[in-house]
Amino acid sequence: MSDFVVAIPARHDASRLPGKPLRLLAGEPLVLHVARRALAAGAREVWVAADDARIAAALDGAGVRVAMTARGHASGTDRLAECARIAGWADDTVVVNLQGDEPFAPAAGIRAVAALLRDSGAEMATLATPVEDVEALFDPNTVKLVQAASGDALYFSRAPLPWPRDAFQHDRGRLPDGGHWLRHIGIYGYRAGFLKRFAQMPPGRLERIESLEQLRALEAGFRIAVARTPEPFPPGVDTPEDLARAEARLAGGHG
């Protein structure tokens, strides 16, 4: 499937890693690594929604297009909605939202989100992978996903959901048997028309409580289709420590 576009939100002044899109990874800007991942997925177009001319300059000659968006957007989704208007995408265009801090995003995963959106008929699509250890289950920075039998998302939470009552009464130091826990991977697919509509919706109550934007769609009654990622998504880059780990990963030949 190649009839999709990838849009990458790139905000210069990230709170935990200022100047993040331009931070060097193996001697090249982080945003350039992410753009290459999107290109490798075979998208019809790859756009970076930037808020700083230095980001556009860093992507010169990379084969992607840059939309200069406003600095004041509250979220990456809002930034991509402006990008959709600048790009002039038709409402039925399949858009994959690839976060600007994912330098190791697998091409197969990007394609999988686009295909899932098309095949499911849902308003949104995303990916998940099994939680592998109890530390991740209890980590509020690891977003958990509860999935219905239909494949759609029931809920996203920073809390350890679902809660294994009987097992955790006796031992909370390990994951119980059964493999019921999913970690959300923050990549999304939607049609351009829904992207613009979603950005215009007011934040929901659950979104405000959990600080998880995707809950806005669920609380409003929209479907989010979920599939297991076909390949692992290595951790993204959100802090200086993450950047150092990414550098070590590339140095070890795990690009």
Protein backbone atom coordinates (compact mmCIF):
# COMPACT_ATOMS: atom_id res chain seq x y z
CA MET A 1 0.00 0.00 0.00
CA SER A 2 1.55 3.31 -1.05
CA ASP A 3 -1.52 5.55 -1.26
CA PHE A 4 -0.90 7.31 2.04
CA VAL A 5 1.03 10.28 3.32
CA VAL A 6 3.21 10.60 6.39
CA ALA A 7 3.15 13.77 8.46
CA ILE A 8 5.79 14.40 11.12
CA PRO A 9 5.17 17.08 13.76
CA ALA A 10 8.45 18.79 14.68
CA ARG A 11 8.34 21.38 17.46
CA HIS A 12 11.66 23.06 18.13
CA ASP A 13 11.22 23.91 21.80
CA ALA A 14 10.30 20.55 23.32
CA SER A 15 10.04 20.90 27.08
CA ARG A 16 12.30 18.02 28.08
CA LEU A 17 14.77 18.34 25.20
CA PRO A 18 14.87 21.87 23.78
CA GLY A 19 15.83 22.00 20.13
CA LYS A 20 15.01 18.30 19.83
CA PRO A 21 14.45 18.09 16.05
CA LEU A 22 17.93 19.53 15.47
CA ARG A 23 19.79 17.52 18.09
CA LEU A 24 22.50 15.52 16.39
CA LEU A 25 22.30 11.75 16.17
CA ALA A 26 25.26 10.14 14.43
CA GLY A 27 26.19 13.62 13.26
CA GLU A 28 22.81 14.39 11.63
CA PRO A 29 19.66 16.12 12.92
CA LEU A 30 17.16 13.86 14.65
CA VAL A 31 14.34 15.01 12.38
CA LEU A 32 16.30 13.89 9.33
CA HIS A 33 16.52 10.34 10.69
CA VAL A 34 12.75 10.30 11.24
CA ALA A 35 12.08 11.66 7.75
CA ARG A 36 14.18 8.89 6.23
CA ARG A 37 12.11 6.30 8.08
CA ALA A 38 8.96 7.75 6.59
CA LEU A 39 10.46 7.76 3.10
CA ALA A 40 11.52 4.13 3.50
CA ALA A 41 7.89 3.19 4.17
CA GLY A 42 6.95 4.15 0.62
CA ALA A 43 4.52 6.97 1.41
CA ARG A 44 3.18 8.98 -1.51
CA GLU A 45 4.29 12.15 0.26
CA VAL A 46 6.24 12.88 3.43
CA TRP A 47 5.67 16.20 5.16
CA VAL A 48 7.31 17.67 8.22
CA ALA A 49 5.13 20.15 10.13
CA ALA A 50 7.77 22.50 11.55
CA ASP A 51 7.66 25.67 13.61
CA ASP A 52 11.20 26.90 13.01
CA ALA A 53 13.05 27.76 9.80
CA ARG A 54 16.12 25.89 11.06
CA ILE A 55 14.16 22.64 10.88
CA ALA A 56 13.27 23.34 7.26
CA ALA A 57 16.92 24.09 6.50
CA ALA A 58 18.01 20.81 8.07
CA LEU A 59 15.70 18.92 5.70
CA ASP A 60 16.83 20.67 2.53
CA GLY A 61 17.47 18.06 -0.15
CA ALA A 62 16.05 15.21 1.93
CA GLY A 63 13.11 14.56 -0.42
CA VAL A 64 10.41 15.66 2.01
CA ARG A 65 8.17 18.71 2.06
CA VAL A 66 7.98 21.16 4.95
CA ALA A 67 4.89 22.99 6.20
CA MET A 68 5.75 26.00 8.33
CA THR A 69 3.12 25.92 11.07
CA ALA A 70 2.34 28.22 13.97
CA ARG A 71 4.46 28.06 17.11
CA GLY A 72 1.55 28.12 19.53
CA HIS A 73 -0.10 24.76 18.82
CA ALA A 74 -1.07 22.86 21.96
CA SER A 75 -0.36 19.44 20.45
CA GLY A 76 1.18 17.66 17.51
CA THR A 77 -2.31 16.84 16.25
CA ASP A 78 -3.16 20.53 16.05
CA ARG A 79 0.07 21.11 14.15
CA LEU A 80 -0.75 18.33 11.68
CA ALA A 81 -4.23 19.70 11.12
CA GLU A 82 -2.63 22.94 9.97
CA CYS A 83 -0.22 20.91 7.83
CA ALA A 84 -3.20 19.16 6.21
CA ARG A 85 -4.67 22.53 5.25
CA ILE A 86 -1.34 23.77 3.88
CA ALA A 87 -0.80 20.55 1.91
CA GLY A 88 -4.34 20.67 0.51
CA TRP A 89 -5.04 16.99 1.16
CA ALA A 90 -8.48 15.75 0.22
CA ASP A 91 -10.60 14.67 3.19
CA ASP A 92 -10.21 10.98 2.32
CA THR A 93 -6.39 11.10 2.26
CA VAL A 94 -4.85 8.52 4.62
CA VAL A 95 -2.45 10.34 6.93
CA VAL A 96 0.05 8.56 9.19
CA ASN A 97 1.15 10.68 12.13
CA LEU A 98 4.75 9.66 12.83
CA GLN A 99 6.14 11.35 15.91
CA GLY A 100 9.20 13.50 15.31
CA ASP A 101 11.22 11.68 17.95
CA GLU A 102 11.06 8.17 16.43
CA PRO A 103 14.39 7.73 14.58
CA PHE A 104 14.05 3.94 14.56
CA ALA A 105 10.41 3.59 13.50
CA PRO A 106 10.21 0.49 11.26
CA ALA A 107 8.88 1.02 7.76
CA ALA A 108 6.63 -2.03 8.18
CA GLY A 109 4.97 -0.43 11.19
CA ILE A 110 4.27 2.79 9.31
CA ARG A 111 2.70 0.85 6.45
CA ALA A 112 0.72 -1.30 8.90
CA VAL A 113 -1.03 1.74 10.41
CA ALA A 114 -2.06 3.00 6.98
CA ALA A 115 -3.38 -0.42 5.95
CA LEU A 116 -5.23 -0.88 9.24
CA LEU A 117 -7.02 2.43 8.85
CA ARG A 118 -8.07 1.56 5.32
CA ASP A 119 -9.19 -2.00 6.12
CA SER A 120 -10.91 -1.40 9.47
CA GLY A 121 -13.15 1.50 8.52
CA ALA A 122 -12.36 3.12 11.88
CA GLU A 123 -11.81 6.84 12.29
CA MET A 124 -8.33 6.24 13.72
CA ALA A 125 -5.77 3.44 13.79
CA THR A 126 -2.75 2.75 15.96
CA LEU A 127 -0.36 -0.02 17.06
CA ALA A 128 0.44 -1.87 20.25
CA THR A 129 2.91 -4.43 21.53
CA PRO A 130 2.88 -6.71 24.59
CA VAL A 131 4.14 -5.29 27.90
CA GLU A 132 7.26 -7.30 28.69
CA ASP A 133 7.93 -6.55 32.36
CA VAL A 134 6.14 -5.41 35.46
CA GLU A 135 8.19 -2.21 35.65
CA ALA A 136 6.69 -1.05 32.35
CA LEU A 137 3.21 -1.97 33.54
CA PHE A 138 3.54 0.35 36.54
CA ASP A 139 5.43 3.11 34.68
CA PRO A 140 3.05 6.06 34.05
CA ASN A 141 5.15 7.09 31.05
CA THR A 142 4.34 3.73 29.42
CA VAL A 143 0.79 4.05 28.10
CA LYS A 144 -1.27 0.91 28.41
CA LEU A 145 -4.03 -0.04 25.98
CA VAL A 146 -7.08 -2.19 26.64
CA GLN A 147 -8.41 -3.82 23.49
CA ALA A 148 -11.88 -5.15 22.65
CA ALA A 149 -12.45 -8.50 21.00
CA SER A 150 -13.25 -6.59 17.82
CA GLY A 151 -9.71 -5.22 17.74
CA ASP A 152 -10.72 -1.66 18.63
CA ALA A 153 -9.33 0.21 21.61
CA LEU A 154 -11.50 0.24 24.71
CA TYR A 155 -9.28 2.54 26.76
CA PHE A 156 -5.80 4.00 27.09
CA SER A 157 -4.28 4.67 30.50
CA ARG A 158 -1.08 5.46 32.35
CA ALA A 159 -2.30 3.09 35.04
CA PRO A 160 -1.61 -0.67 35.01
CA LEU A 161 -4.71 -1.86 33.17
CA PRO A 162 -6.28 -4.35 33.20
CA TRP A 163 -5.61 -4.89 36.91
CA PRO A 164 -4.99 -8.60 37.71
CA ARG A 165 -6.78 -8.59 41.06
CA ASP A 166 -6.06 -12.10 42.30
CA ALA A 167 -2.46 -12.27 41.11
CA PHE A 168 -1.51 -8.85 42.47
CA GLN A 169 -3.04 -9.66 45.85
CA HIS A 170 -0.13 -12.04 46.29
CA ASP A 171 2.73 -10.65 44.20
CA ARG A 172 3.17 -7.33 42.38
CA GLY A 173 6.82 -7.96 41.57
CA ARG A 174 6.25 -9.85 38.33
CA LEU A 175 3.80 -10.06 35.46
CA PRO A 176 1.19 -12.77 35.94
CA ASP A 177 0.83 -15.42 33.30
CA GLY A 178 -1.58 -14.77 30.47
CA GLY A 179 -0.07 -11.88 28.52
CA HIS A 180 -3.05 -9.56 28.82
CA TRP A 181 -1.15 -6.27 28.83
CA LEU A 182 -0.45 -4.08 25.84
CA ARG A 183 1.84 -1.07 25.50
CA HIS A 184 0.59 1.62 23.17
CA ILE A 185 2.89 2.74 20.36
CA GLY A 186 2.27 6.41 19.64
CA ILE A 187 1.77 6.27 15.90
CA TYR A 188 -1.64 7.10 14.40
CA GLY A 189 -3.48 6.85 11.14
CA TYR A 190 -6.56 8.85 10.16
CA ARG A 191 -8.20 10.44 7.15
CA ALA A 192 -7.29 14.07 6.64
CA GLY A 193 -10.91 15.11 7.12
CA PHE A 194 -11.10 13.43 10.52
CA LEU A 195 -7.72 14.86 11.51
CA LYS A 196 -9.03 18.38 10.98
CA ARG A 197 -12.29 17.54 12.76
CA PHE A 198 -10.45 15.98 15.70
CA ALA A 199 -8.24 19.03 16.15
CA GLN A 200 -11.34 21.21 16.41
CA MET A 201 -12.94 19.09 19.14
CA PRO A 202 -12.57 20.35 22.72
CA PRO A 203 -10.43 18.20 25.03
CA GLY A 204 -12.48 15.57 26.81
CA ARG A 205 -12.71 14.93 30.54
CA LEU A 206 -10.76 11.67 30.33
CA GLU A 207 -8.10 13.30 28.18
CA ARG A 208 -7.60 16.00 30.79
CA ILE A 209 -7.35 13.45 33.60
CA GLU A 210 -4.85 11.14 31.89
CA SER A 211 -3.14 13.71 29.63
CA LEU A 212 -3.71 11.35 26.70
CA GLU A 213 -5.07 13.04 23.59
CA GLN A 214 -6.37 9.85 21.99
CA LEU A 215 -8.97 9.55 24.76
CA ARG A 216 -10.73 12.56 23.19
CA ALA A 217 -11.74 10.36 20.27
CA LEU A 218 -12.91 7.44 22.42
CA GLU A 219 -14.92 9.65 24.77
CA ALA A 220 -16.63 11.22 21.75
CA GLY A 221 -17.63 7.77 20.49
CA PHE A 222 -15.15 7.32 17.64
CA ARG A 223 -13.40 4.04 16.88
CA ILE A 224 -9.65 3.52 17.16
CA ALA A 225 -8.57 0.29 15.47
CA VAL A 226 -5.54 -1.46 16.99
CA ALA A 227 -3.09 -3.97 15.55
CA ARG A 228 0.09 -5.53 16.91
CA THR A 229 3.16 -3.95 15.44
CA PRO A 230 4.75 -6.20 12.77
CA GLU A 231 8.22 -5.17 13.94
CA PRO A 232 9.50 -3.76 17.23
CA PHE A 233 9.48 0.00 17.73
CA PRO A 234 12.67 0.86 19.62
CA PRO A 235 12.27 3.65 22.19
CA GLY A 236 11.96 7.20 20.89
CA VAL A 237 13.99 10.23 21.97
CA ASP A 238 12.44 12.47 24.60
CA THR A 239 15.31 13.26 26.99
CA PRO A 240 19.11 13.72 26.83
CA GLU A 241 19.43 10.18 28.21
CA ASP A 242 17.25 8.83 25.40
CA LEU A 243 19.45 10.62 22.89
CA ALA A 244 22.56 9.01 24.37
CA ARG A 245 20.94 5.57 24.15
CA ALA A 246 19.97 6.20 20.54
CA GLU A 247 23.54 7.22 19.76
CA ALA A 248 24.81 4.01 21.34
CA ARG A 249 22.28 1.99 19.35
CA LEU A 250 23.49 3.43 16.06
CA ALA A 251 27.12 3.02 17.09
CA GLY A 252 26.36 -0.65 17.72
CA GLY A 253 25.04 -1.09 14.20
CA HIS A 254 21.37 -1.25 15.15
CA GLY A 255 20.07 1.53 12.93
